[in-house]
Structure formats: structure tokens, C-alpha cells
Amino acid sequence: MLKRVALITFFFSLFLCIEASANAQGTFEFLGSPRPVTDKFSPRFGIRYNTQGYDQPQANWTKKIAKMQKKGVPDSVINQILAYPGSADAIGEWVDEAFESVRNEFSACGGTLAQRAGTISPRAVSITIMPSAFYEPYWNVYVAGVFYPTTREIKVLNIYYHWSGPNTGWLRHAKDLLKWEMGNYFAVESRIQPEPRPAGWPCTAPPLK
């Protein structure tokens, strides 16, 4: 999905629309509330990111597990949530992997697109890990990930499972969302359309208008 405000204000993708009803799970924080922490830099590319404490989650697990079980969340999913992110350094590694993977995709296109991709700076983008689906007021929708071209900022939720609604059974994970939004960053910087993504994207993407 591509959204534009004025020229370009932000793109959001892989979005989740959460109905404003009594049955909606809303912005349930599977890993607890965010905490103020200092920014970090990814080990290979030096990309600035802030985990909001989700590199070492702190939550009332007894209460949260009980609620997830009550909502029918499978044990396999609960185990993934409890294991998140896997290690204290995992998020920084995911950030680097996302940058490298997307750059390789653009470079494989050859020509002008590959040349532009080679000039895109990892130091120009920043990342924040969010506690849950988060609200974008302009479009009145809750999203899983977003890229703001004007500030070159990516925000993605940490981990989220749909236990109700049309997307029941759908697990969203920061590792996947980071790659998607990094693709939006590269696309905007390369002046091609970030979304929707046709077969063969980014090589087949039309110019950004």
C-alpha cells in the first residue's frame, strides 16, 4: 500500500486494521510496556536503532501467558513470544541483515538502480521497535510498520499475534517487518515506487511520482 501526504510524508505497509469493537484485541503489548533506553548502533553498518527495552523484555509473564492461553494462542506461538528476541544482540543483527538483504536485491537489478543503491547510507536511517500495533492518526489506522521519508525513520512492532478478527492466526515479527520497511527506505532513496510491489520488484518498480 502506498500513501502520500502532500509530496511524500510517510509510507506504511503490512498494516493491521483493528476494529474499534469490544472484541478487538487492540494494541495488546505481548512483551510488556516500553522502557526508556539509549540508542544503539547495529554492529556492521552502524544503523541507529532504539529497542525501547525489547532486546531484554520485562513483563508479567504469568499474567500474559494466562491471557494468551485464554484467547487460544497456540503454545508454539507463546514459545516464540517468550523467546523474543533470542539474544540481547539479535535486534541489531536483524537491522544489519535487513539493510544488506535489500541492498543486494537492488544491486542485482544492475544499471542505474544498482548504482543508486550503492550510494544509500546506512547512517541516514533510524529505527524504533514499537510495543504493539500503533496508531497513525492521519489515516486513522493501526499499523505494524511504517517508513517516514521526510525523517528517514522506520518504526516496526516487536511481535504480534492476531487471536481474533479476519487475520486470526497471523503472526507479525520485527525481523520480517524491518526488511520490508528497509525496502521502502531504499525505494524512496532510489526514486522508485515502494508499494505496491509487482513481481520482480525492485527491478520492475516504476519511477516514484
N, C-alpha and C. Protein backbone atom coordinates (compact mmCIF):
# COMPACT_ATOMS: atom_id res chain seq x y z
N MET A 1 0.84 -1.18 0.00
CA MET A 1 0.00 0.00 0.00
C MET A 1 0.88 1.23 0.00
N LEU A 2 0.54 2.19 -0.83
CA LEU A 2 1.28 3.44 -0.91
C LEU A 2 0.36 4.55 -0.46
N LYS A 3 0.82 5.39 0.45
CA LYS A 3 0.06 6.54 0.90
C LYS A 3 0.95 7.76 0.78
N ARG A 4 0.38 8.86 0.30
CA ARG A 4 1.16 10.08 0.18
C ARG A 4 0.40 11.24 0.81
N VAL A 5 1.12 12.09 1.50
CA VAL A 5 0.57 13.31 2.06
C VAL A 5 1.41 14.44 1.50
N ALA A 6 0.74 15.43 0.86
CA ALA A 6 1.46 16.47 0.13
C ALA A 6 2.38 15.79 -0.89
N LEU A 7 3.70 16.02 -0.83
CA LEU A 7 4.60 15.31 -1.74
C LEU A 7 4.79 13.88 -1.23
N ILE A 8 5.60 13.73 -0.20
CA ILE A 8 5.74 12.41 0.45
C ILE A 8 5.85 12.67 1.94
N THR A 9 4.98 12.10 2.71
CA THR A 9 5.10 12.22 4.15
C THR A 9 5.45 10.89 4.77
N PHE A 10 4.70 9.83 4.49
CA PHE A 10 5.08 8.53 5.01
C PHE A 10 4.45 7.42 4.18
N PHE A 11 5.08 6.27 4.25
CA PHE A 11 4.53 5.06 3.68
C PHE A 11 4.29 4.10 4.84
N PHE A 12 3.16 3.39 4.82
CA PHE A 12 3.03 2.32 5.80
C PHE A 12 2.56 1.06 5.10
N SER A 13 3.01 -0.05 5.65
CA SER A 13 2.80 -1.29 4.93
C SER A 13 2.58 -2.44 5.89
N LEU A 14 2.16 -3.58 5.31
CA LEU A 14 1.84 -4.75 6.12
C LEU A 14 0.98 -4.32 7.31
N PHE A 15 -0.02 -3.50 7.01
CA PHE A 15 -0.76 -2.86 8.08
C PHE A 15 -1.80 -3.79 8.67
N LEU A 16 -2.18 -3.51 9.93
CA LEU A 16 -3.26 -4.24 10.55
C LEU A 16 -4.34 -3.26 10.92
N CYS A 17 -5.51 -3.48 10.43
CA CYS A 17 -6.65 -2.65 10.82
C CYS A 17 -7.35 -3.34 11.98
N ILE A 18 -7.46 -2.66 13.07
CA ILE A 18 -8.07 -3.25 14.26
C ILE A 18 -9.41 -2.58 14.50
N GLU A 19 -10.47 -3.37 14.44
CA GLU A 19 -11.81 -2.82 14.59
C GLU A 19 -12.00 -2.23 15.98
N ALA A 20 -12.67 -1.10 16.03
CA ALA A 20 -12.96 -0.45 17.31
C ALA A 20 -14.22 -1.08 17.89
N SER A 21 -14.06 -2.29 18.39
CA SER A 21 -15.19 -3.01 18.96
C SER A 21 -14.77 -3.68 20.25
N ALA A 22 -15.74 -4.18 20.96
CA ALA A 22 -15.45 -4.82 22.25
C ALA A 22 -14.61 -6.08 22.06
N ASN A 23 -14.67 -6.69 20.87
CA ASN A 23 -13.95 -7.93 20.65
C ASN A 23 -12.55 -7.73 20.10
N ALA A 24 -12.19 -6.49 19.78
CA ALA A 24 -10.88 -6.25 19.19
C ALA A 24 -9.79 -6.39 20.24
N GLN A 25 -8.65 -6.96 19.85
CA GLN A 25 -7.56 -7.12 20.81
C GLN A 25 -6.73 -5.86 20.91
N GLY A 26 -6.97 -4.93 20.00
CA GLY A 26 -6.36 -3.62 20.09
C GLY A 26 -4.85 -3.66 20.08
N THR A 27 -4.24 -2.89 20.94
CA THR A 27 -2.79 -2.75 20.98
C THR A 27 -2.19 -3.54 22.13
N PHE A 28 -2.61 -4.78 22.26
CA PHE A 28 -2.09 -5.63 23.33
C PHE A 28 -0.58 -5.75 23.22
N GLU A 29 0.11 -5.48 24.32
CA GLU A 29 1.57 -5.48 24.35
C GLU A 29 2.06 -6.85 24.80
N PHE A 30 2.39 -7.70 23.85
CA PHE A 30 2.78 -9.07 24.17
C PHE A 30 4.04 -9.13 25.02
N LEU A 31 4.93 -8.15 24.85
CA LEU A 31 6.20 -8.15 25.59
C LEU A 31 6.24 -7.10 26.69
N GLY A 32 5.10 -6.59 27.08
CA GLY A 32 5.07 -5.59 28.13
C GLY A 32 5.24 -4.17 27.60
N SER A 33 5.30 -3.23 28.51
CA SER A 33 5.37 -1.82 28.15
C SER A 33 6.78 -1.40 27.76
N PRO A 34 6.91 -0.36 26.92
CA PRO A 34 8.24 0.13 26.55
C PRO A 34 8.95 0.78 27.72
N ARG A 35 10.28 0.81 27.65
CA ARG A 35 11.10 1.45 28.67
C ARG A 35 12.05 2.42 27.99
N PRO A 36 12.38 3.52 28.64
CA PRO A 36 13.35 4.45 28.05
C PRO A 36 14.75 3.84 28.08
N VAL A 37 15.35 3.71 26.92
CA VAL A 37 16.72 3.18 26.82
C VAL A 37 17.48 4.04 25.81
N THR A 38 18.77 3.99 25.88
CA THR A 38 19.59 4.77 24.95
C THR A 38 19.63 4.09 23.58
N ASP A 39 19.87 4.89 22.56
CA ASP A 39 20.01 4.36 21.21
C ASP A 39 21.22 3.43 21.13
N LYS A 40 21.14 2.49 20.23
CA LYS A 40 22.26 1.61 19.92
C LYS A 40 22.58 1.73 18.43
N PHE A 41 23.69 1.11 18.02
CA PHE A 41 24.08 1.12 16.63
C PHE A 41 24.36 -0.32 16.20
N SER A 42 23.83 -0.70 15.05
CA SER A 42 23.99 -2.08 14.58
C SER A 42 25.47 -2.39 14.38
N PRO A 43 25.87 -3.64 14.61
CA PRO A 43 27.31 -3.97 14.67
C PRO A 43 28.07 -3.79 13.36
N ARG A 44 27.45 -4.04 12.23
CA ARG A 44 28.19 -3.98 10.96
C ARG A 44 28.05 -2.65 10.24
N PHE A 45 26.83 -2.11 10.19
CA PHE A 45 26.58 -0.91 9.39
C PHE A 45 26.40 0.35 10.22
N GLY A 46 26.36 0.20 11.53
CA GLY A 46 26.24 1.38 12.38
C GLY A 46 24.91 2.09 12.25
N ILE A 47 23.83 1.35 12.01
CA ILE A 47 22.50 1.94 11.88
C ILE A 47 21.94 2.21 13.27
N ARG A 48 21.48 3.43 13.48
CA ARG A 48 20.93 3.81 14.78
C ARG A 48 19.57 3.11 15.00
N TYR A 49 19.41 2.51 16.17
CA TYR A 49 18.12 1.92 16.49
C TYR A 49 17.86 2.02 17.99
N ASN A 50 16.59 2.02 18.33
CA ASN A 50 16.19 2.05 19.73
C ASN A 50 15.22 0.91 19.99
N THR A 51 15.57 0.05 20.93
CA THR A 51 14.77 -1.14 21.20
C THR A 51 13.58 -0.88 22.12
N GLN A 52 13.56 0.27 22.78
CA GLN A 52 12.57 0.57 23.83
C GLN A 52 12.53 -0.55 24.89
N GLY A 53 13.67 -1.21 25.06
CA GLY A 53 13.78 -2.24 26.08
C GLY A 53 13.44 -3.63 25.60
N TYR A 54 13.04 -3.79 24.34
CA TYR A 54 12.60 -5.10 23.87
C TYR A 54 13.73 -6.02 23.44
N ASP A 55 14.97 -5.57 23.59
CA ASP A 55 16.08 -6.51 23.46
C ASP A 55 16.18 -7.38 24.71
N GLN A 56 15.60 -6.90 25.82
CA GLN A 56 15.52 -7.67 27.06
C GLN A 56 14.14 -7.42 27.68
N PRO A 57 13.11 -8.03 27.12
CA PRO A 57 11.73 -7.75 27.55
C PRO A 57 11.51 -8.03 29.03
N GLN A 58 10.71 -7.16 29.64
CA GLN A 58 10.31 -7.33 31.02
C GLN A 58 8.80 -7.23 31.08
N ALA A 59 8.16 -8.30 31.53
CA ALA A 59 6.70 -8.33 31.57
C ALA A 59 6.24 -9.24 32.69
N ASN A 60 4.97 -9.09 33.03
CA ASN A 60 4.35 -10.01 33.98
C ASN A 60 3.94 -11.25 33.19
N TRP A 61 4.89 -12.19 33.04
CA TRP A 61 4.67 -13.31 32.14
C TRP A 61 3.54 -14.22 32.60
N THR A 62 3.40 -14.39 33.90
CA THR A 62 2.32 -15.24 34.40
C THR A 62 0.97 -14.73 33.93
N LYS A 63 0.77 -13.43 34.05
CA LYS A 63 -0.49 -12.81 33.64
C LYS A 63 -0.66 -12.87 32.13
N LYS A 64 0.41 -12.55 31.40
CA LYS A 64 0.31 -12.51 29.95
C LYS A 64 0.10 -13.89 29.35
N ILE A 65 0.80 -14.88 29.88
CA ILE A 65 0.61 -16.24 29.37
C ILE A 65 -0.82 -16.71 29.61
N ALA A 66 -1.34 -16.40 30.78
CA ALA A 66 -2.71 -16.80 31.10
C ALA A 66 -3.70 -16.17 30.12
N LYS A 67 -3.49 -14.89 29.79
CA LYS A 67 -4.40 -14.22 28.86
C LYS A 67 -4.28 -14.81 27.47
N MET A 68 -3.03 -15.07 27.03
CA MET A 68 -2.86 -15.65 25.70
C MET A 68 -3.50 -17.02 25.61
N GLN A 69 -3.33 -17.83 26.64
CA GLN A 69 -3.94 -19.15 26.64
C GLN A 69 -5.46 -19.05 26.62
N LYS A 70 -5.99 -18.10 27.35
CA LYS A 70 -7.44 -17.89 27.37
C LYS A 70 -7.96 -17.50 26.00
N LYS A 71 -7.14 -16.78 25.24
CA LYS A 71 -7.53 -16.34 23.90
C LYS A 71 -7.22 -17.39 22.83
N GLY A 72 -6.70 -18.52 23.24
CA GLY A 72 -6.46 -19.59 22.29
C GLY A 72 -5.19 -19.46 21.48
N VAL A 73 -4.24 -18.69 21.96
CA VAL A 73 -2.95 -18.57 21.27
C VAL A 73 -2.22 -19.91 21.38
N PRO A 74 -1.78 -20.49 20.26
CA PRO A 74 -1.11 -21.79 20.32
C PRO A 74 0.17 -21.75 21.16
N ASP A 75 0.51 -22.88 21.77
CA ASP A 75 1.72 -22.95 22.58
C ASP A 75 2.97 -22.62 21.76
N SER A 76 2.98 -23.02 20.49
CA SER A 76 4.14 -22.74 19.64
C SER A 76 4.36 -21.24 19.48
N VAL A 77 3.28 -20.48 19.39
CA VAL A 77 3.38 -19.02 19.27
C VAL A 77 3.80 -18.42 20.60
N ILE A 78 3.21 -18.90 21.68
CA ILE A 78 3.58 -18.40 23.01
C ILE A 78 5.08 -18.61 23.24
N ASN A 79 5.59 -19.75 22.82
CA ASN A 79 7.02 -20.01 22.99
C ASN A 79 7.87 -19.04 22.18
N GLN A 80 7.42 -18.68 20.97
CA GLN A 80 8.14 -17.68 20.17
C GLN A 80 8.15 -16.33 20.87
N ILE A 81 7.02 -15.97 21.45
CA ILE A 81 6.92 -14.69 22.15
C ILE A 81 7.84 -14.68 23.37
N LEU A 82 7.84 -15.78 24.13
CA LEU A 82 8.68 -15.86 25.32
C LEU A 82 10.17 -15.84 24.97
N ALA A 83 10.52 -16.34 23.79
CA ALA A 83 11.92 -16.41 23.39
C ALA A 83 12.41 -15.12 22.74
N TYR A 84 11.52 -14.19 22.47
CA TYR A 84 11.87 -12.96 21.76
C TYR A 84 12.87 -12.12 22.57
N PRO A 85 13.90 -11.53 21.96
CA PRO A 85 14.27 -11.64 20.55
C PRO A 85 15.24 -12.79 20.27
N GLY A 86 15.62 -13.54 21.29
CA GLY A 86 16.54 -14.65 21.12
C GLY A 86 17.87 -14.39 21.80
N SER A 87 18.35 -13.16 21.68
CA SER A 87 19.56 -12.72 22.39
C SER A 87 19.53 -11.21 22.47
N ALA A 88 20.32 -10.64 23.35
CA ALA A 88 20.33 -9.19 23.53
C ALA A 88 20.83 -8.47 22.28
N ASP A 89 21.59 -9.16 21.43
CA ASP A 89 22.14 -8.54 20.23
C ASP A 89 21.31 -8.82 18.98
N ALA A 90 20.24 -9.59 19.12
CA ALA A 90 19.50 -10.04 17.94
C ALA A 90 18.92 -8.90 17.12
N ILE A 91 18.36 -7.89 17.76
CA ILE A 91 17.70 -6.82 17.01
C ILE A 91 18.71 -6.07 16.15
N GLY A 92 19.89 -5.78 16.69
CA GLY A 92 20.91 -5.11 15.90
C GLY A 92 21.34 -5.96 14.71
N GLU A 93 21.39 -7.27 14.90
CA GLU A 93 21.72 -8.16 13.79
C GLU A 93 20.62 -8.17 12.74
N TRP A 94 19.35 -8.14 13.18
CA TRP A 94 18.24 -8.08 12.22
C TRP A 94 18.32 -6.81 11.39
N VAL A 95 18.66 -5.70 12.04
CA VAL A 95 18.77 -4.43 11.33
C VAL A 95 19.83 -4.53 10.23
N ASP A 96 20.98 -5.06 10.57
CA ASP A 96 22.05 -5.23 9.56
C ASP A 96 21.62 -6.17 8.44
N GLU A 97 20.98 -7.28 8.81
CA GLU A 97 20.53 -8.24 7.81
C GLU A 97 19.53 -7.61 6.85
N ALA A 98 18.63 -6.79 7.39
CA ALA A 98 17.63 -6.14 6.54
C ALA A 98 18.31 -5.20 5.54
N PHE A 99 19.26 -4.40 6.02
CA PHE A 99 19.95 -3.46 5.14
C PHE A 99 20.71 -4.21 4.05
N GLU A 100 21.46 -5.23 4.45
CA GLU A 100 22.28 -5.96 3.49
C GLU A 100 21.42 -6.70 2.47
N SER A 101 20.36 -7.35 2.94
CA SER A 101 19.50 -8.11 2.05
C SER A 101 18.85 -7.22 1.00
N VAL A 102 18.33 -6.07 1.44
CA VAL A 102 17.68 -5.16 0.50
C VAL A 102 18.69 -4.56 -0.46
N ARG A 103 19.84 -4.18 0.03
CA ARG A 103 20.87 -3.62 -0.86
C ARG A 103 21.26 -4.64 -1.93
N ASN A 104 21.37 -5.92 -1.54
CA ASN A 104 21.70 -6.95 -2.51
C ASN A 104 20.61 -7.10 -3.57
N GLU A 105 19.36 -6.99 -3.15
CA GLU A 105 18.25 -7.09 -4.10
C GLU A 105 18.32 -5.96 -5.13
N PHE A 106 18.59 -4.75 -4.66
CA PHE A 106 18.69 -3.60 -5.56
C PHE A 106 19.91 -3.72 -6.46
N SER A 107 21.02 -4.17 -5.89
CA SER A 107 22.26 -4.29 -6.66
C SER A 107 22.11 -5.32 -7.78
N ALA A 108 21.33 -6.38 -7.51
CA ALA A 108 21.14 -7.43 -8.51
C ALA A 108 20.38 -6.94 -9.73
N CYS A 109 19.70 -5.79 -9.61
CA CYS A 109 18.97 -5.24 -10.76
C CYS A 109 19.92 -4.68 -11.81
N GLY A 110 21.13 -4.31 -11.38
CA GLY A 110 22.08 -3.71 -12.30
C GLY A 110 21.69 -2.29 -12.69
N GLY A 111 22.48 -1.69 -13.54
CA GLY A 111 22.17 -0.37 -14.08
C GLY A 111 22.08 0.72 -13.05
N THR A 112 21.22 1.70 -13.35
CA THR A 112 21.08 2.88 -12.50
C THR A 112 20.61 2.53 -11.10
N LEU A 113 19.70 1.57 -11.01
CA LEU A 113 19.16 1.20 -9.70
C LEU A 113 20.26 0.65 -8.80
N ALA A 114 21.12 -0.18 -9.34
CA ALA A 114 22.23 -0.72 -8.57
C ALA A 114 23.20 0.38 -8.16
N GLN A 115 23.42 1.32 -9.06
CA GLN A 115 24.32 2.44 -8.75
C GLN A 115 23.77 3.28 -7.61
N ARG A 116 22.48 3.55 -7.66
CA ARG A 116 21.86 4.35 -6.60
C ARG A 116 21.91 3.60 -5.27
N ALA A 117 21.62 2.30 -5.32
CA ALA A 117 21.63 1.51 -4.09
C ALA A 117 22.99 1.53 -3.42
N GLY A 118 24.04 1.58 -4.23
CA GLY A 118 25.39 1.60 -3.68
C GLY A 118 25.74 2.88 -2.96
N THR A 119 24.95 3.93 -3.18
CA THR A 119 25.22 5.22 -2.54
C THR A 119 24.34 5.47 -1.32
N ILE A 120 23.40 4.57 -1.04
CA ILE A 120 22.47 4.78 0.07
C ILE A 120 23.18 4.53 1.39
N SER A 121 23.09 5.51 2.27
CA SER A 121 23.84 5.45 3.53
C SER A 121 23.06 4.71 4.61
N PRO A 122 23.69 3.77 5.31
CA PRO A 122 23.04 3.15 6.45
C PRO A 122 22.93 4.10 7.64
N ARG A 123 23.74 5.13 7.63
CA ARG A 123 23.74 6.06 8.77
C ARG A 123 22.61 7.09 8.68
N ALA A 124 21.92 7.14 7.53
CA ALA A 124 20.88 8.16 7.35
C ALA A 124 19.52 7.70 7.86
N VAL A 125 19.36 6.40 8.11
CA VAL A 125 18.08 5.87 8.55
C VAL A 125 18.15 5.50 10.03
N SER A 126 17.04 5.61 10.72
CA SER A 126 16.97 5.20 12.13
C SER A 126 15.75 4.33 12.33
N ILE A 127 15.78 3.53 13.39
CA ILE A 127 14.75 2.51 13.61
C ILE A 127 14.31 2.53 15.06
N THR A 128 13.00 2.35 15.26
CA THR A 128 12.44 2.22 16.60
C THR A 128 11.58 0.98 16.65
N ILE A 129 11.79 0.16 17.68
CA ILE A 129 10.96 -1.02 17.91
C ILE A 129 9.78 -0.63 18.79
N MET A 130 8.58 -0.87 18.29
CA MET A 130 7.36 -0.43 18.96
C MET A 130 6.76 -1.57 19.81
N PRO A 131 5.98 -1.21 20.85
CA PRO A 131 5.43 -2.22 21.75
C PRO A 131 4.31 -3.06 21.17
N SER A 132 3.65 -2.56 20.11
CA SER A 132 2.50 -3.25 19.57
C SER A 132 2.13 -2.58 18.25
N ALA A 133 0.98 -2.96 17.71
CA ALA A 133 0.44 -2.17 16.60
C ALA A 133 0.27 -0.74 17.09
N PHE A 134 0.54 0.22 16.21
CA PHE A 134 0.49 1.61 16.65
C PHE A 134 -0.33 2.46 15.69
N TYR A 135 -0.87 3.54 16.23
CA TYR A 135 -1.87 4.33 15.53
C TYR A 135 -1.24 5.41 14.67
N GLU A 136 -1.68 5.48 13.41
CA GLU A 136 -1.31 6.58 12.52
C GLU A 136 -2.53 7.47 12.37
N PRO A 137 -2.54 8.63 13.04
CA PRO A 137 -3.76 9.44 13.11
C PRO A 137 -4.22 10.00 11.77
N TYR A 138 -3.29 10.32 10.86
CA TYR A 138 -3.71 10.94 9.61
C TYR A 138 -4.64 10.01 8.83
N TRP A 139 -4.29 8.70 8.79
CA TRP A 139 -5.07 7.74 8.03
C TRP A 139 -6.04 6.95 8.90
N ASN A 140 -6.03 7.23 10.21
CA ASN A 140 -6.96 6.60 11.13
C ASN A 140 -6.88 5.07 11.04
N VAL A 141 -5.65 4.55 11.17
CA VAL A 141 -5.43 3.12 11.05
C VAL A 141 -4.28 2.72 11.95
N TYR A 142 -4.35 1.47 12.44
CA TYR A 142 -3.25 0.91 13.21
C TYR A 142 -2.33 0.15 12.26
N VAL A 143 -1.03 0.27 12.46
CA VAL A 143 -0.07 -0.31 11.53
C VAL A 143 0.94 -1.18 12.26
N ALA A 144 1.55 -2.09 11.49
CA ALA A 144 2.62 -2.94 12.01
C ALA A 144 3.98 -2.34 11.73
N GLY A 145 4.09 -1.60 10.63
CA GLY A 145 5.36 -1.00 10.26
C GLY A 145 5.15 0.24 9.44
N VAL A 146 6.10 1.16 9.51
CA VAL A 146 5.99 2.42 8.79
C VAL A 146 7.37 2.96 8.48
N PHE A 147 7.48 3.61 7.32
CA PHE A 147 8.69 4.35 6.98
C PHE A 147 8.30 5.79 6.67
N TYR A 148 8.98 6.74 7.34
CA TYR A 148 8.73 8.16 7.14
C TYR A 148 9.87 8.74 6.29
N PRO A 149 9.61 9.01 5.01
CA PRO A 149 10.69 9.52 4.16
C PRO A 149 11.27 10.86 4.60
N THR A 150 10.44 11.75 5.15
CA THR A 150 10.93 13.07 5.49
C THR A 150 11.96 13.04 6.61
N THR A 151 11.84 12.06 7.51
CA THR A 151 12.80 11.94 8.61
C THR A 151 13.67 10.70 8.48
N ARG A 152 13.41 9.89 7.45
CA ARG A 152 14.13 8.63 7.25
C ARG A 152 14.08 7.76 8.50
N GLU A 153 12.89 7.58 9.02
CA GLU A 153 12.69 6.80 10.24
C GLU A 153 11.80 5.60 9.96
N ILE A 154 12.20 4.46 10.47
CA ILE A 154 11.42 3.24 10.39
C ILE A 154 10.90 2.90 11.78
N LYS A 155 9.63 2.52 11.86
CA LYS A 155 9.07 2.00 13.10
C LYS A 155 8.40 0.67 12.79
N VAL A 156 8.70 -0.33 13.58
CA VAL A 156 8.04 -1.63 13.45
C VAL A 156 7.70 -2.16 14.83
N LEU A 157 6.57 -2.90 14.91
CA LEU A 157 6.24 -3.52 16.19
C LEU A 157 7.19 -4.69 16.46
N ASN A 158 7.25 -5.11 17.71
CA ASN A 158 8.17 -6.19 18.08
C ASN A 158 7.64 -7.56 17.64
N ILE A 159 6.55 -8.00 18.21
CA ILE A 159 5.92 -9.26 17.82
C ILE A 159 4.44 -9.17 18.17
N TYR A 160 3.61 -9.71 17.29
CA TYR A 160 2.17 -9.52 17.45
C TYR A 160 1.44 -10.70 16.84
N TYR A 161 0.47 -11.23 17.58
CA TYR A 161 -0.32 -12.36 17.09
C TYR A 161 -1.79 -11.99 17.08
N HIS A 162 -2.45 -12.25 15.96
CA HIS A 162 -3.90 -12.00 15.87
C HIS A 162 -4.66 -13.19 16.41
N TRP A 163 -5.33 -13.00 17.54
CA TRP A 163 -6.14 -14.08 18.08
C TRP A 163 -7.63 -13.88 17.75
N SER A 164 -7.95 -12.78 17.06
CA SER A 164 -9.34 -12.53 16.70
C SER A 164 -9.39 -11.73 15.40
N GLY A 165 -10.56 -11.66 14.81
CA GLY A 165 -10.74 -10.85 13.62
C GLY A 165 -10.37 -11.60 12.34
N PRO A 166 -10.40 -10.89 11.21
CA PRO A 166 -10.17 -11.53 9.91
C PRO A 166 -8.77 -12.08 9.73
N ASN A 167 -7.80 -11.59 10.51
CA ASN A 167 -6.42 -12.07 10.39
C ASN A 167 -6.04 -13.05 11.49
N THR A 168 -7.02 -13.71 12.08
CA THR A 168 -6.75 -14.67 13.15
C THR A 168 -5.68 -15.68 12.72
N GLY A 169 -4.69 -15.89 13.60
CA GLY A 169 -3.62 -16.84 13.31
C GLY A 169 -2.41 -16.22 12.65
N TRP A 170 -2.45 -14.91 12.43
CA TRP A 170 -1.37 -14.21 11.72
C TRP A 170 -0.36 -13.68 12.74
N LEU A 171 0.90 -14.10 12.61
CA LEU A 171 1.97 -13.63 13.48
C LEU A 171 2.82 -12.61 12.73
N ARG A 172 3.03 -11.46 13.33
CA ARG A 172 3.89 -10.43 12.75
C ARG A 172 5.14 -10.34 13.61
N HIS A 173 6.30 -10.18 12.98
CA HIS A 173 7.58 -10.22 13.69
C HIS A 173 8.48 -9.10 13.17
N ALA A 174 9.18 -8.45 14.08
CA ALA A 174 10.04 -7.32 13.71
C ALA A 174 11.07 -7.68 12.65
N LYS A 175 11.59 -8.90 12.71
CA LYS A 175 12.64 -9.29 11.76
C LYS A 175 12.15 -9.17 10.32
N ASP A 176 10.92 -9.62 10.06
CA ASP A 176 10.34 -9.53 8.72
C ASP A 176 9.94 -8.09 8.38
N LEU A 177 9.36 -7.41 9.33
CA LEU A 177 8.91 -6.04 9.10
C LEU A 177 10.07 -5.10 8.82
N LEU A 178 11.21 -5.33 9.50
CA LEU A 178 12.38 -4.49 9.25
C LEU A 178 12.84 -4.59 7.80
N LYS A 179 12.84 -5.79 7.26
CA LYS A 179 13.26 -5.94 5.86
C LYS A 179 12.29 -5.23 4.93
N TRP A 180 11.01 -5.36 5.20
CA TRP A 180 10.01 -4.73 4.33
C TRP A 180 10.18 -3.20 4.34
N GLU A 181 10.27 -2.63 5.53
CA GLU A 181 10.38 -1.17 5.62
C GLU A 181 11.74 -0.67 5.14
N MET A 182 12.78 -1.49 5.28
CA MET A 182 14.07 -1.12 4.72
C MET A 182 13.96 -1.06 3.19
N GLY A 183 13.14 -1.94 2.63
CA GLY A 183 12.88 -1.88 1.20
C GLY A 183 12.23 -0.57 0.81
N ASN A 184 11.32 -0.08 1.65
CA ASN A 184 10.70 1.22 1.38
C ASN A 184 11.74 2.35 1.44
N TYR A 185 12.65 2.26 2.40
CA TYR A 185 13.72 3.25 2.51
C TYR A 185 14.57 3.28 1.24
N PHE A 186 15.01 2.12 0.80
CA PHE A 186 15.83 2.06 -0.42
C PHE A 186 15.05 2.55 -1.63
N ALA A 187 13.78 2.19 -1.70
CA ALA A 187 12.98 2.59 -2.85
C ALA A 187 12.85 4.10 -2.94
N VAL A 188 12.53 4.73 -1.82
CA VAL A 188 12.37 6.19 -1.83
C VAL A 188 13.68 6.88 -2.18
N GLU A 189 14.76 6.40 -1.57
CA GLU A 189 16.07 6.99 -1.85
C GLU A 189 16.48 6.76 -3.30
N SER A 190 16.01 5.67 -3.90
CA SER A 190 16.34 5.35 -5.29
C SER A 190 15.32 5.93 -6.27
N ARG A 191 14.29 6.57 -5.73
CA ARG A 191 13.26 7.22 -6.51
C ARG A 191 12.45 6.25 -7.37
N ILE A 192 12.11 5.10 -6.76
CA ILE A 192 11.17 4.18 -7.38
C ILE A 192 10.00 3.97 -6.42
N GLN A 193 8.91 3.44 -6.93
CA GLN A 193 7.70 3.25 -6.13
C GLN A 193 7.90 2.14 -5.11
N PRO A 194 7.74 2.44 -3.82
CA PRO A 194 7.94 1.42 -2.78
C PRO A 194 6.86 0.34 -2.78
N GLU A 195 5.63 0.76 -2.94
CA GLU A 195 4.49 -0.14 -2.87
C GLU A 195 3.40 0.39 -3.79
N PRO A 196 2.56 -0.48 -4.33
CA PRO A 196 2.61 -1.95 -4.27
C PRO A 196 3.82 -2.49 -5.02
N ARG A 197 4.16 -3.74 -4.75
CA ARG A 197 5.36 -4.35 -5.30
C ARG A 197 5.01 -5.43 -6.32
N PRO A 198 5.19 -5.14 -7.60
CA PRO A 198 4.89 -6.15 -8.62
C PRO A 198 5.93 -7.26 -8.62
N ALA A 199 5.65 -8.33 -9.34
CA ALA A 199 6.62 -9.41 -9.49
C ALA A 199 7.92 -8.84 -10.04
N GLY A 200 9.03 -9.26 -9.44
CA GLY A 200 10.33 -8.77 -9.88
C GLY A 200 10.77 -7.47 -9.23
N TRP A 201 9.96 -6.96 -8.28
CA TRP A 201 10.35 -5.75 -7.56
C TRP A 201 11.66 -6.03 -6.83
N PRO A 202 12.60 -5.09 -6.74
CA PRO A 202 12.51 -3.68 -7.15
C PRO A 202 12.87 -3.42 -8.60
N CYS A 203 13.37 -4.43 -9.30
CA CYS A 203 13.84 -4.20 -10.67
C CYS A 203 12.74 -3.73 -11.60
N THR A 204 11.48 -4.13 -11.28
CA THR A 204 10.35 -3.81 -12.15
C THR A 204 9.55 -2.61 -11.67
N ALA A 205 9.99 -1.97 -10.58
CA ALA A 205 9.20 -0.88 -9.99
C ALA A 205 9.21 0.35 -10.90
N PRO A 206 8.06 1.02 -11.04
CA PRO A 206 8.02 2.27 -11.82
C PRO A 206 8.66 3.40 -11.04
N PRO A 207 9.01 4.50 -11.72
CA PRO A 207 9.58 5.65 -11.02
C PRO A 207 8.61 6.22 -10.00
N LEU A 208 9.14 6.76 -8.94
CA LEU A 208 8.32 7.42 -7.92
C LEU A 208 7.86 8.75 -8.45
N LYS A 209 6.55 8.99 -8.42
CA LYS A 209 6.00 10.25 -8.95
C LYS A 209 5.69 11.21 -7.82
